[in-house]
Amino acid sequence: MSSSPRGEEEVQRLLAAYQQYQAQADGIMRQLNLTQITAEGLERALVAADALEKAEVGQEILVPIGSGSFIHAALASKEKIVLNVGAGVSIEKTATEAKEILKVRKAEVLEGSRKLSEVLAKIDQEMQRIQAIMQQFEESAGQQGQGSEGVV
């Protein structure tokens, strides 16, 4: 059951390519998880901005402080929402402006997620193609081995 050196080189090349695709797929899956978390956070911010428009100044509200924990507070103003714009910088916007910005951000995140999913699907197709080729190599090696069995 001796394989040709050329066939062994091809198998090694395919294995290396498969491992590289697997690493890429793992990275993309992590990115997809992060985009999902980001989209959920943006949706919560949109719901909060909607609720703010219906609230009354002085009304008692629960303010999230992280890890599913809240504090009681009284709404001092509902005129402005403070938005993080990155690099530790925040700006004040009206509720309407803030909601528009949040909607745009959410759409961008969802579009990025869609593109990542497309790339992941292409990588998966390549991995399946490599698996099929590897299966052919295994079957071919098995058939070659059967022919030499029992020969003395």
C-alpha atoms as a PDB file:
ATOM      1  CA  MET A   1       0.000   0.000   0.000  1.00  0.00           C
ATOM      2  CA  SER A   2       2.617   2.507  -0.967  1.00  0.00           C
ATOM      3  CA  SER A   3       1.361   5.928  -2.013  1.00  0.00           C
ATOM      4  CA  SER A   4       3.188   7.924  -4.599  1.00  0.00           C
ATOM      5  CA  PRO A   5       5.236  10.830  -3.222  1.00  0.00           C
ATOM      6  CA  ARG A   6       3.231  13.138  -5.439  1.00  0.00           C
ATOM      7  CA  GLY A   7      -0.045  11.922  -3.918  1.00  0.00           C
ATOM      8  CA  GLU A   8       1.305  12.335  -0.385  1.00  0.00           C
ATOM      9  CA  GLU A   9       2.369  15.902  -1.196  1.00  0.00           C
ATOM     10  CA  GLU A  10      -1.116  16.645  -2.505  1.00  0.00           C
ATOM     11  CA  VAL A  11      -2.696  15.189   0.649  1.00  0.00           C
ATOM     12  CA  GLN A  12      -0.416  17.337   2.821  1.00  0.00           C
ATOM     13  CA  ARG A  13      -1.256  20.428   0.778  1.00  0.00           C
ATOM     14  CA  LEU A  14      -4.980  19.730   1.088  1.00  0.00           C
ATOM     15  CA  LEU A  15      -4.696  19.154   4.834  1.00  0.00           C
ATOM     16  CA  ALA A  16      -2.865  22.447   5.263  1.00  0.00           C
ATOM     17  CA  ALA A  17      -5.489  24.278   3.194  1.00  0.00           C
ATOM     18  CA  TYR A  18      -8.281  22.640   5.203  1.00  0.00           C
ATOM     19  CA  GLN A  19      -6.686  23.708   8.482  1.00  0.00           C
ATOM     20  CA  GLN A  20      -6.294  27.253   7.193  1.00  0.00           C
ATOM     21  CA  TYR A  21      -9.956  27.368   6.143  1.00  0.00           C
ATOM     22  CA  GLN A  22     -10.950  25.986   9.546  1.00  0.00           C
ATOM     23  CA  ALA A  23      -9.014  28.758  11.310  1.00  0.00           C
ATOM     24  CA  GLN A  24     -10.651  31.368   9.078  1.00  0.00           C
ATOM     25  CA  ALA A  25     -14.093  29.903   9.754  1.00  0.00           C
ATOM     26  CA  ASP A  26     -13.464  29.991  13.504  1.00  0.00           C
ATOM     27  CA  GLY A  27     -12.450  33.656  13.305  1.00  0.00           C
ATOM     28  CA  ILE A  28     -15.503  34.552  11.260  1.00  0.00           C
ATOM     29  CA  MET A  29     -17.761  32.727  13.715  1.00  0.00           C
ATOM     30  CA  ARG A  30     -16.300  34.842  16.537  1.00  0.00           C
ATOM     31  CA  GLN A  31     -16.905  37.991  14.490  1.00  0.00           C
ATOM     32  CA  LEU A  32     -20.481  36.899  13.786  1.00  0.00           C
ATOM     33  CA  ASN A  33     -21.074  36.399  17.507  1.00  0.00           C
ATOM     34  CA  LEU A  34     -19.752  39.897  18.187  1.00  0.00           C
ATOM     35  CA  THR A  35     -21.956  41.428  15.490  1.00  0.00           C
ATOM     36  CA  GLN A  36     -24.973  39.661  16.980  1.00  0.00           C
ATOM     37  CA  ILE A  37     -24.172  41.027  20.452  1.00  0.00           C
ATOM     38  CA  THR A  38     -23.659  44.507  18.971  1.00  0.00           C
ATOM     39  CA  ALA A  39     -26.952  44.366  17.046  1.00  0.00           C
ATOM     40  CA  GLU A  40     -28.792  43.266  20.202  1.00  0.00           C
ATOM     41  CA  GLY A  41     -27.237  46.161  22.142  1.00  0.00           C
ATOM     42  CA  LEU A  42     -28.285  48.616  19.443  1.00  0.00           C
ATOM     43  CA  GLU A  43     -31.824  47.211  19.498  1.00  0.00           C
ATOM     44  CA  ARG A  44     -31.975  47.663  23.295  1.00  0.00           C
ATOM     45  CA  ALA A  45     -30.769  51.261  22.867  1.00  0.00           C
ATOM     46  CA  LEU A  46     -33.501  51.878  20.268  1.00  0.00           C
ATOM     47  CA  VAL A  47     -36.170  50.469  22.610  1.00  0.00           C
ATOM     48  CA  ALA A  48     -34.841  52.659  25.437  1.00  0.00           C
ATOM     49  CA  ALA A  49     -34.903  55.754  23.199  1.00  0.00           C
ATOM     50  CA  ASP A  50     -38.523  54.981  22.273  1.00  0.00           C
ATOM     51  CA  ALA A  51     -39.404  54.571  25.954  1.00  0.00           C
ATOM     52  CA  LEU A  52     -37.670  57.845  26.767  1.00  0.00           C
ATOM     53  CA  GLU A  53     -39.966  59.737  24.408  1.00  0.00           C
ATOM     54  CA  LYS A  54     -43.007  58.376  26.299  1.00  0.00           C
ATOM     55  CA  ALA A  55     -41.578  58.974  29.780  1.00  0.00           C
ATOM     56  CA  GLU A  56     -42.181  62.067  31.914  1.00  0.00           C
ATOM     57  CA  VAL A  57     -39.501  64.224  33.535  1.00  0.00           C
ATOM     58  CA  GLY A  58     -39.233  63.221  37.189  1.00  0.00           C
ATOM     59  CA  GLN A  59     -40.565  59.724  36.519  1.00  0.00           C
ATOM     60  CA  GLU A  60     -38.714  56.972  38.385  1.00  0.00           C
ATOM     61  CA  ILE A  61     -36.790  54.693  36.016  1.00  0.00           C
ATOM     62  CA  LEU A  62     -34.360  51.792  36.261  1.00  0.00           C
ATOM     63  CA  VAL A  63     -30.928  52.582  34.843  1.00  0.00           C
ATOM     64  CA  PRO A  64     -28.709  49.657  33.765  1.00  0.00           C
ATOM     65  CA  ILE A  65     -25.251  49.635  35.336  1.00  0.00           C
ATOM     66  CA  GLY A  66     -23.998  46.423  33.699  1.00  0.00           C
ATOM     67  CA  SER A  67     -24.198  42.660  34.211  1.00  0.00           C
ATOM     68  CA  GLY A  68     -27.994  42.752  34.354  1.00  0.00           C
ATOM     69  CA  SER A  69     -27.942  45.142  37.337  1.00  0.00           C
ATOM     70  CA  PHE A  70     -29.942  48.364  37.682  1.00  0.00           C
ATOM     71  CA  ILE A  71     -30.294  51.372  39.956  1.00  0.00           C
ATOM     72  CA  HIS A  72     -33.400  53.448  40.614  1.00  0.00           C
ATOM     73  CA  ALA A  73     -33.229  57.014  39.307  1.00  0.00           C
ATOM     74  CA  ALA A  74     -35.495  59.903  38.482  1.00  0.00           C
ATOM     75  CA  LEU A  75     -35.536  61.139  34.893  1.00  0.00           C
ATOM     76  CA  ALA A  76     -34.017  64.623  34.997  1.00  0.00           C
ATOM     77  CA  SER A  77     -34.365  65.383  31.279  1.00  0.00           C
ATOM     78  CA  LYS A  78     -35.564  63.623  28.203  1.00  0.00           C
ATOM     79  CA  GLU A  79     -34.332  66.221  25.745  1.00  0.00           C
ATOM     80  CA  LYS A  80     -30.939  64.701  25.011  1.00  0.00           C
ATOM     81  CA  ILE A  81     -29.404  61.245  24.679  1.00  0.00           C
ATOM     82  CA  VAL A  82     -25.636  60.797  25.045  1.00  0.00           C
ATOM     83  CA  LEU A  83     -24.225  58.584  22.270  1.00  0.00           C
ATOM     84  CA  ASN A  84     -20.789  57.005  22.152  1.00  0.00           C
ATOM     85  CA  VAL A  85     -19.147  57.815  18.830  1.00  0.00           C
ATOM     86  CA  GLY A  86     -15.964  55.839  19.479  1.00  0.00           C
ATOM     87  CA  ALA A  87     -12.506  56.395  20.942  1.00  0.00           C
ATOM     88  CA  GLY A  88     -14.059  57.369  24.279  1.00  0.00           C
ATOM     89  CA  VAL A  89     -15.914  60.305  22.717  1.00  0.00           C
ATOM     90  CA  SER A  90     -19.636  60.864  23.336  1.00  0.00           C
ATOM     91  CA  ILE A  91     -22.039  63.431  21.924  1.00  0.00           C
ATOM     92  CA  GLU A  92     -25.496  64.647  22.909  1.00  0.00           C
ATOM     93  CA  LYS A  93     -28.351  64.259  20.426  1.00  0.00           C
ATOM     94  CA  THR A  94     -32.098  64.600  20.573  1.00  0.00           C
ATOM     95  CA  ALA A  95     -34.034  61.350  20.957  1.00  0.00           C
ATOM     96  CA  THR A  96     -35.072  61.505  17.300  1.00  0.00           C
ATOM     97  CA  GLU A  97     -31.502  62.116  16.105  1.00  0.00           C
ATOM     98  CA  ALA A  98     -30.167  59.403  18.393  1.00  0.00           C
ATOM     99  CA  LYS A  99     -32.706  56.881  17.108  1.00  0.00           C
ATOM    100  CA  GLU A 100     -31.725  57.625  13.508  1.00  0.00           C
ATOM    101  CA  ILE A 101     -28.034  57.180  14.306  1.00  0.00           C
ATOM    102  CA  LEU A 102     -28.758  53.921  16.156  1.00  0.00           C
ATOM    103  CA  LYS A 103     -30.862  52.630  13.247  1.00  0.00           C
ATOM    104  CA  VAL A 104     -28.055  53.383  10.786  1.00  0.00           C
ATOM    105  CA  ARG A 105     -25.490  51.678  13.033  1.00  0.00           C
ATOM    106  CA  LYS A 106     -27.724  48.625  13.411  1.00  0.00           C
ATOM    107  CA  ALA A 107     -28.230  48.408   9.637  1.00  0.00           C
ATOM    108  CA  GLU A 108     -24.460  48.612   9.107  1.00  0.00           C
ATOM    109  CA  VAL A 109     -23.834  45.885  11.686  1.00  0.00           C
ATOM    110  CA  LEU A 110     -26.477  43.633  10.123  1.00  0.00           C
ATOM    111  CA  GLU A 111     -24.999  44.222   6.653  1.00  0.00           C
ATOM    112  CA  GLY A 112     -21.553  43.321   7.966  1.00  0.00           C
ATOM    113  CA  SER A 113     -23.033  40.195   9.517  1.00  0.00           C
ATOM    114  CA  ARG A 114     -24.645  39.255   6.202  1.00  0.00           C
ATOM    115  CA  LYS A 115     -21.327  39.652   4.382  1.00  0.00           C
ATOM    116  CA  LEU A 116     -19.513  37.579   7.005  1.00  0.00           C
ATOM    117  CA  SER A 117     -22.134  34.851   6.608  1.00  0.00           C
ATOM    118  CA  GLU A 118     -21.553  34.823   2.843  1.00  0.00           C
ATOM    119  CA  VAL A 119     -17.795  34.471   3.325  1.00  0.00           C
ATOM    120  CA  LEU A 120     -18.371  31.705   5.866  1.00  0.00           C
ATOM    121  CA  ALA A 121     -20.594  29.853   3.396  1.00  0.00           C
ATOM    122  CA  LYS A 122     -17.861  30.052   0.717  1.00  0.00           C
ATOM    123  CA  ILE A 123     -15.269  28.759   3.153  1.00  0.00           C
ATOM    124  CA  ASP A 124     -17.600  25.915   4.112  1.00  0.00           C
ATOM    125  CA  GLN A 125     -18.004  25.001   0.422  1.00  0.00           C
ATOM    126  CA  GLU A 126     -14.221  24.899  -0.010  1.00  0.00           C
ATOM    127  CA  MET A 127     -13.852  22.727   3.079  1.00  0.00           C
ATOM    128  CA  GLN A 128     -16.473  20.330   1.731  1.00  0.00           C
ATOM    129  CA  ARG A 129     -14.656  20.230  -1.617  1.00  0.00           C
ATOM    130  CA  ILE A 130     -11.394  19.361   0.148  1.00  0.00           C
ATOM    131  CA  GLN A 131     -13.149  16.678   2.183  1.00  0.00           C
ATOM    132  CA  ALA A 132     -14.507  15.127  -1.024  1.00  0.00           C
ATOM    133  CA  ILE A 133     -11.034  15.081  -2.602  1.00  0.00           C
ATOM    134  CA  MET A 134      -9.549  13.578   0.556  1.00  0.00           C
ATOM    135  CA  GLN A 135     -12.266  10.921   0.506  1.00  0.00           C
ATOM    136  CA  GLN A 136     -11.275  10.060  -3.075  1.00  0.00           C
ATOM    137  CA  PHE A 137      -7.621   9.754  -2.010  1.00  0.00           C
ATOM    138  CA  GLU A 138      -8.615   7.418   0.836  1.00  0.00           C
ATOM    139  CA  GLU A 139     -10.781   5.270  -1.433  1.00  0.00           C
ATOM    140  CA  SER A 140      -8.033   5.142  -4.056  1.00  0.00           C
ATOM    141  CA  ALA A 141      -5.439   4.141  -1.458  1.00  0.00           C
ATOM    142  CA  GLY A 142      -7.813   1.493  -0.092  1.00  0.00           C
ATOM    143  CA  GLN A 143      -8.362  -0.006  -3.546  1.00  0.00           C
ATOM    144  CA  GLN A 144      -4.621  -0.090  -4.236  1.00  0.00           C
ATOM    145  CA  GLY A 145      -4.073  -1.871  -0.940  1.00  0.00           C
ATOM    146  CA  GLN A 146      -6.707  -4.502  -1.704  1.00  0.00           C
ATOM    147  CA  GLY A 147      -5.062  -5.478  -4.948  1.00  0.00           C
ATOM    148  CA  SER A 148      -1.749  -6.340  -3.288  1.00  0.00           C
ATOM    149  CA  GLU A 149      -3.221  -8.332  -0.404  1.00  0.00           C
ATOM    150  CA  GLY A 150      -2.678 -12.056  -0.488  1.00  0.00           C
ATOM    151  CA  VAL A 151       0.252 -11.813  -2.899  1.00  0.00           C
ATOM    152  CA  VAL A 152       3.231 -13.777  -1.626  1.00  0.00           C
END
